[in-house]
C-alpha atoms as a PDB file:
ATOM      1  CA  UNK A   1     -27.068  14.717 -14.408  1.00  0.00           C
ATOM      2  CA  UNK A   2     -23.846  14.209 -12.437  1.00  0.00           C
ATOM      3  CA  UNK A   3     -20.544  13.847 -14.297  1.00  0.00           C
ATOM      4  CA  UNK A   4     -17.973  11.181 -13.444  1.00  0.00           C
ATOM      5  CA  UNK A   5     -15.580  13.915 -12.333  1.00  0.00           C
ATOM      6  CA  UNK A   6     -18.121  14.978  -9.692  1.00  0.00           C
ATOM      7  CA  UNK A   7     -18.650  11.406  -8.459  1.00  0.00           C
ATOM      8  CA  UNK A   8     -15.052  10.226  -8.430  1.00  0.00           C
ATOM      9  CA  UNK A   9     -12.329  11.854  -6.421  1.00  0.00           C
ATOM     10  CA  UNK A  10      -8.741  12.034  -7.657  1.00  0.00           C
ATOM     11  CA  UNK A  11      -6.151   9.436  -6.769  1.00  0.00           C
ATOM     12  CA  UNK A  12      -5.388   7.840  -3.430  1.00  0.00           C
ATOM     13  CA  UNK A  13      -2.213   6.304  -2.064  1.00  0.00           C
ATOM     14  CA  UNK A  14      -2.504   3.728   0.700  1.00  0.00           C
ATOM     15  CA  UNK A  15       0.551   2.265   2.338  1.00  0.00           C
ATOM     16  CA  UNK A  16       1.908   0.083   5.095  1.00  0.00           C
ATOM     17  CA  UNK A  17       5.371   0.797   6.446  1.00  0.00           C
ATOM     18  CA  UNK A  18       7.284  -1.098   9.095  1.00  0.00           C
ATOM     19  CA  UNK A  19      10.631   0.709   8.935  1.00  0.00           C
ATOM     20  CA  UNK A  20       9.614   4.045   7.424  1.00  0.00           C
ATOM     21  CA  UNK A  21      10.805   3.400   3.868  1.00  0.00           C
ATOM     22  CA  UNK A  22       7.299   2.969   2.426  1.00  0.00           C
ATOM     23  CA  UNK A  23       6.082   6.006   4.373  1.00  0.00           C
ATOM     24  CA  UNK A  24       8.853   8.024   2.757  1.00  0.00           C
ATOM     25  CA  UNK A  25       8.071   6.719  -0.756  1.00  0.00           C
ATOM     26  CA  UNK A  26       4.296   7.217  -0.320  1.00  0.00           C
ATOM     27  CA  UNK A  27       4.687  10.717   1.156  1.00  0.00           C
ATOM     28  CA  UNK A  28       7.043  11.824  -1.633  1.00  0.00           C
ATOM     29  CA  UNK A  29       4.601  10.479  -4.231  1.00  0.00           C
ATOM     30  CA  UNK A  30       1.630  12.186  -2.553  1.00  0.00           C
ATOM     31  CA  UNK A  31       3.555  15.448  -2.386  1.00  0.00           C
ATOM     32  CA  UNK A  32       4.393  15.186  -6.086  1.00  0.00           C
ATOM     33  CA  UNK A  33       0.926  14.117  -7.313  1.00  0.00           C
ATOM     34  CA  UNK A  34      -1.427  15.755  -4.829  1.00  0.00           C
ATOM     35  CA  UNK A  35      -3.014  12.362  -4.070  1.00  0.00           C
ATOM     36  CA  UNK A  36      -4.773  11.663  -0.782  1.00  0.00           C
ATOM     37  CA  UNK A  37      -2.550   9.602   1.508  1.00  0.00           C
ATOM     38  CA  UNK A  38      -3.795   6.820   3.807  1.00  0.00           C
ATOM     39  CA  UNK A  39      -1.811   4.732   6.266  1.00  0.00           C
ATOM     40  CA  UNK A  40      -2.407   1.179   7.483  1.00  0.00           C
ATOM     41  CA  UNK A  41      -1.326   0.522  11.043  1.00  0.00           C
ATOM     42  CA  UNK A  42      -0.714  -2.763  12.802  1.00  0.00           C
ATOM     43  CA  UNK A  43      -2.961  -3.680  15.683  1.00  0.00           C
ATOM     44  CA  UNK A  44       0.300  -3.889  17.618  1.00  0.00           C
ATOM     45  CA  UNK A  45       3.866  -3.204  16.508  1.00  0.00           C
ATOM     46  CA  UNK A  46       5.533  -6.327  15.141  1.00  0.00           C
ATOM     47  CA  UNK A  47       9.115  -7.059  16.083  1.00  0.00           C
ATOM     48  CA  UNK A  48      11.727  -8.218  13.610  1.00  0.00           C
ATOM     49  CA  UNK A  49      11.471 -11.856  14.748  1.00  0.00           C
ATOM     50  CA  UNK A  50       7.713 -11.769  14.212  1.00  0.00           C
ATOM     51  CA  UNK A  51       8.263 -10.521  10.672  1.00  0.00           C
ATOM     52  CA  UNK A  52      10.842 -13.220   9.990  1.00  0.00           C
ATOM     53  CA  UNK A  53       8.696 -16.080  11.241  1.00  0.00           C
ATOM     54  CA  UNK A  54       5.025 -15.098  10.996  1.00  0.00           C
ATOM     55  CA  UNK A  55       5.083 -12.136   8.634  1.00  0.00           C
ATOM     56  CA  UNK A  56       7.103 -13.865   5.928  1.00  0.00           C
ATOM     57  CA  UNK A  57       4.805 -16.893   6.018  1.00  0.00           C
ATOM     58  CA  UNK A  58       1.655 -14.746   5.917  1.00  0.00           C
ATOM     59  CA  UNK A  59       3.081 -12.655   3.071  1.00  0.00           C
ATOM     60  CA  UNK A  60       3.944 -15.786   1.060  1.00  0.00           C
ATOM     61  CA  UNK A  61       0.439 -17.237   1.586  1.00  0.00           C
ATOM     62  CA  UNK A  62      -1.192 -13.853   0.794  1.00  0.00           C
ATOM     63  CA  UNK A  63      -2.933 -13.794   4.181  1.00  0.00           C
ATOM     64  CA  UNK A  64      -4.242 -10.733   5.998  1.00  0.00           C
ATOM     65  CA  UNK A  65      -2.832  -9.215   9.164  1.00  0.00           C
ATOM     66  CA  UNK A  66      -4.452  -7.658  12.211  1.00  0.00           C
ATOM     67  CA  UNK A  67      -4.842  -3.940  11.589  1.00  0.00           C
ATOM     68  CA  UNK A  68      -5.676  -1.234  14.105  1.00  0.00           C
ATOM     69  CA  UNK A  69      -8.822  -0.492  12.072  1.00  0.00           C
ATOM     70  CA  UNK A  70     -10.519  -1.383   8.802  1.00  0.00           C
ATOM     71  CA  UNK A  71      -9.153  -0.391   5.413  1.00  0.00           C
ATOM     72  CA  UNK A  72     -10.792   2.938   4.479  1.00  0.00           C
ATOM     73  CA  UNK A  73     -13.406   3.069   1.727  1.00  0.00           C
ATOM     74  CA  UNK A  74     -11.448   3.924  -1.420  1.00  0.00           C
ATOM     75  CA  UNK A  75     -14.237   3.155  -3.890  1.00  0.00           C
ATOM     76  CA  UNK A  76     -14.715   6.785  -4.959  1.00  0.00           C
ATOM     77  CA  UNK A  77     -11.123   7.234  -6.136  1.00  0.00           C
ATOM     78  CA  UNK A  78     -10.221   6.980  -9.817  1.00  0.00           C
ATOM     79  CA  UNK A  79      -6.985   5.138  -9.040  1.00  0.00           C
ATOM     80  CA  UNK A  80      -5.490   3.689  -5.861  1.00  0.00           C
ATOM     81  CA  UNK A  81      -1.731   3.280  -5.482  1.00  0.00           C
ATOM     82  CA  UNK A  82      -0.716   0.522  -3.063  1.00  0.00           C
ATOM     83  CA  UNK A  83       2.726   0.924  -1.468  1.00  0.00           C
ATOM     84  CA  UNK A  84       4.049  -1.951   0.631  1.00  0.00           C
ATOM     85  CA  UNK A  85       7.322  -3.456   1.798  1.00  0.00           C
ATOM     86  CA  UNK A  86       8.448  -6.805   0.453  1.00  0.00           C
ATOM     87  CA  UNK A  87       8.898  -9.559   3.008  1.00  0.00           C
ATOM     88  CA  UNK A  88      10.625 -12.658   1.653  1.00  0.00           C
ATOM     89  CA  UNK A  89       9.712 -11.844  -1.947  1.00  0.00           C
ATOM     90  CA  UNK A  90       6.047 -10.974  -1.303  1.00  0.00           C
ATOM     91  CA  UNK A  91       4.183  -7.822  -0.230  1.00  0.00           C
ATOM     92  CA  UNK A  92       3.666  -7.506   3.529  1.00  0.00           C
ATOM     93  CA  UNK A  93       0.324  -8.980   4.682  1.00  0.00           C
ATOM     94  CA  UNK A  94      -1.329  -5.536   5.034  1.00  0.00           C
ATOM     95  CA  UNK A  95      -1.196  -5.353   1.211  1.00  0.00           C
ATOM     96  CA  UNK A  96      -3.604  -8.320   1.129  1.00  0.00           C
ATOM     97  CA  UNK A  97      -6.035  -6.503   3.442  1.00  0.00           C
ATOM     98  CA  UNK A  98      -6.204  -3.666   0.908  1.00  0.00           C
ATOM     99  CA  UNK A  99      -6.511  -5.927  -2.139  1.00  0.00           C
ATOM    100  CA  UNK A 100      -9.480  -7.735  -0.622  1.00  0.00           C
ATOM    101  CA  UNK A 101     -11.139  -4.481   0.543  1.00  0.00           C
ATOM    102  CA  UNK A 102     -11.037  -2.697  -2.821  1.00  0.00           C
ATOM    103  CA  UNK A 103     -14.042  -3.080  -5.119  1.00  0.00           C
ATOM    104  CA  UNK A 104     -13.679  -5.616  -7.924  1.00  0.00           C
ATOM    105  CA  UNK A 105     -12.377  -4.002 -11.088  1.00  0.00           C
ATOM    106  CA  UNK A 106     -10.587  -1.132  -9.329  1.00  0.00           C
ATOM    107  CA  UNK A 107      -7.829   0.728 -11.128  1.00  0.00           C
ATOM    108  CA  UNK A 108      -4.576   0.335  -9.199  1.00  0.00           C
ATOM    109  CA  UNK A 109      -0.878   1.054  -9.253  1.00  0.00           C
ATOM    110  CA  UNK A 110       1.469  -1.087  -7.174  1.00  0.00           C
ATOM    111  CA  UNK A 111       4.805  -0.021  -5.696  1.00  0.00           C
ATOM    112  CA  UNK A 112       6.700  -2.684  -3.768  1.00  0.00           C
ATOM    113  CA  UNK A 113       9.702  -1.477  -1.788  1.00  0.00           C
ATOM    114  CA  UNK A 114      12.528  -3.807  -0.776  1.00  0.00           C
ATOM    115  CA  UNK A 115      16.194  -3.894   0.080  1.00  0.00           C
ATOM    116  CA  UNK A 116      16.940  -5.746  -3.177  1.00  0.00           C
ATOM    117  CA  UNK A 117      14.408  -3.900  -5.334  1.00  0.00           C
ATOM    118  CA  UNK A 118      12.833  -7.204  -6.390  1.00  0.00           C
ATOM    119  CA  UNK A 119       9.622  -9.048  -5.599  1.00  0.00           C
ATOM    120  CA  UNK A 120       7.836 -12.147  -6.802  1.00  0.00           C
ATOM    121  CA  UNK A 121       5.524 -10.648  -9.452  1.00  0.00           C
ATOM    122  CA  UNK A 122       3.679 -13.744 -10.683  1.00  0.00           C
ATOM    123  CA  UNK A 123       1.571 -14.574  -7.585  1.00  0.00           C
ATOM    124  CA  UNK A 124       0.873 -10.884  -6.936  1.00  0.00           C
ATOM    125  CA  UNK A 125      -0.262 -10.351 -10.531  1.00  0.00           C
ATOM    126  CA  UNK A 126      -2.524 -13.417 -10.248  1.00  0.00           C
ATOM    127  CA  UNK A 127      -3.967 -12.065  -7.002  1.00  0.00           C
ATOM    128  CA  UNK A 128      -4.732  -8.707  -8.640  1.00  0.00           C
ATOM    129  CA  UNK A 129      -6.143 -10.437 -11.719  1.00  0.00           C
ATOM    130  CA  UNK A 130      -8.543 -12.521  -9.563  1.00  0.00           C
ATOM    131  CA  UNK A 131     -10.054  -9.237  -8.403  1.00  0.00           C
ATOM    132  CA  UNK A 132     -10.323  -7.966 -11.960  1.00  0.00           C
ATOM    133  CA  UNK A 133      -8.117  -4.979 -11.183  1.00  0.00           C
ATOM    134  CA  UNK A 134      -6.879  -2.795 -13.993  1.00  0.00           C
ATOM    135  CA  UNK A 135      -3.182  -2.500 -13.135  1.00  0.00           C
ATOM    136  CA  UNK A 136      -1.712   0.673 -14.604  1.00  0.00           C
ATOM    137  CA  UNK A 137       1.770   0.201 -13.130  1.00  0.00           C
ATOM    138  CA  UNK A 138       3.654  -2.462 -11.195  1.00  0.00           C
ATOM    139  CA  UNK A 139       6.907  -1.118  -9.823  1.00  0.00           C
ATOM    140  CA  UNK A 140       9.622  -2.778  -7.781  1.00  0.00           C
ATOM    141  CA  UNK A 141      11.615  -0.131  -5.978  1.00  0.00           C
ATOM    142  CA  UNK A 142      14.840  -0.384  -4.039  1.00  0.00           C
ATOM    143  CA  UNK A 143      14.309   1.162  -0.631  1.00  0.00           C
ATOM    144  CA  UNK A 144      15.863   4.594  -0.132  1.00  0.00           C
ATOM    145  CA  UNK A 145      19.312   4.432   1.471  1.00  0.00           C
ATOM    146  CA  UNK A 146      18.703   7.436   3.662  1.00  0.00           C
ATOM    147  CA  UNK A 147      15.266   8.553   4.714  1.00  0.00           C
ATOM    148  CA  UNK A 148      15.208  12.324   4.883  1.00  0.00           C
ATOM    149  CA  UNK A 149      13.263  14.086   7.594  1.00  0.00           C
ATOM    150  CA  UNK A 150       9.578  13.504   6.875  1.00  0.00           C
ATOM    151  CA  UNK A 151       8.805  16.855   8.480  1.00  0.00           C
ATOM    152  CA  UNK A 152      10.301  18.476   5.375  1.00  0.00           C
ATOM    153  CA  UNK A 153       7.591  16.927   3.191  1.00  0.00           C
ATOM    154  CA  UNK A 154       4.282  18.675   2.643  1.00  0.00           C
ATOM    155  CA  UNK A 155       1.744  15.858   2.834  1.00  0.00           C
ATOM    156  CA  UNK A 156      -1.468  15.262   4.709  1.00  0.00           C
ATOM    157  CA  UNK A 157      -1.859  11.831   6.213  1.00  0.00           C
ATOM    158  CA  UNK A 158      -5.424  10.532   6.350  1.00  0.00           C
ATOM    159  CA  UNK A 159      -5.794   8.444   9.504  1.00  0.00           C
ATOM    160  CA  UNK A 160      -8.299   5.662   8.782  1.00  0.00           C
ATOM    161  CA  UNK A 161      -8.971   5.205  12.498  1.00  0.00           C
ATOM    162  CA  UNK A 162      -9.668   8.903  12.958  1.00  0.00           C
ATOM    163  CA  UNK A 163      -6.689   9.265  15.277  1.00  0.00           C
END
């Protein structure tokens, strides 16, 4: 008979970062916890005007975005931490790609990073509740003022596209 520890891996952190702040937060957390780290990449780099007009609207409506590849299969992890920037009070659209790709009832932690350190919790909590997620933590974090050199961090970045 196989034990749950043999079936389930440890924890995973999956993040989307436009400016590097979420990368920094996710990498620091992975370094501290030993979690596997996965990145979501845009199909093409969005400019600031695109974020202001399209990204903010898509974030508010909890729509997906075009990613370079599919969200990796995270079903074997005990807990998945989602790290995303906040655009106009809501997580960036890549967050919604992950939420819809995770199995119903997943155990998650959420870290939303913004300039103000605030997000609109109610619709995000409802979105997570619709998927039956067990939310262990929901953290709003003010983005780091100065991003230190990421080369100084000891993390391994899992590329979902195999790149």
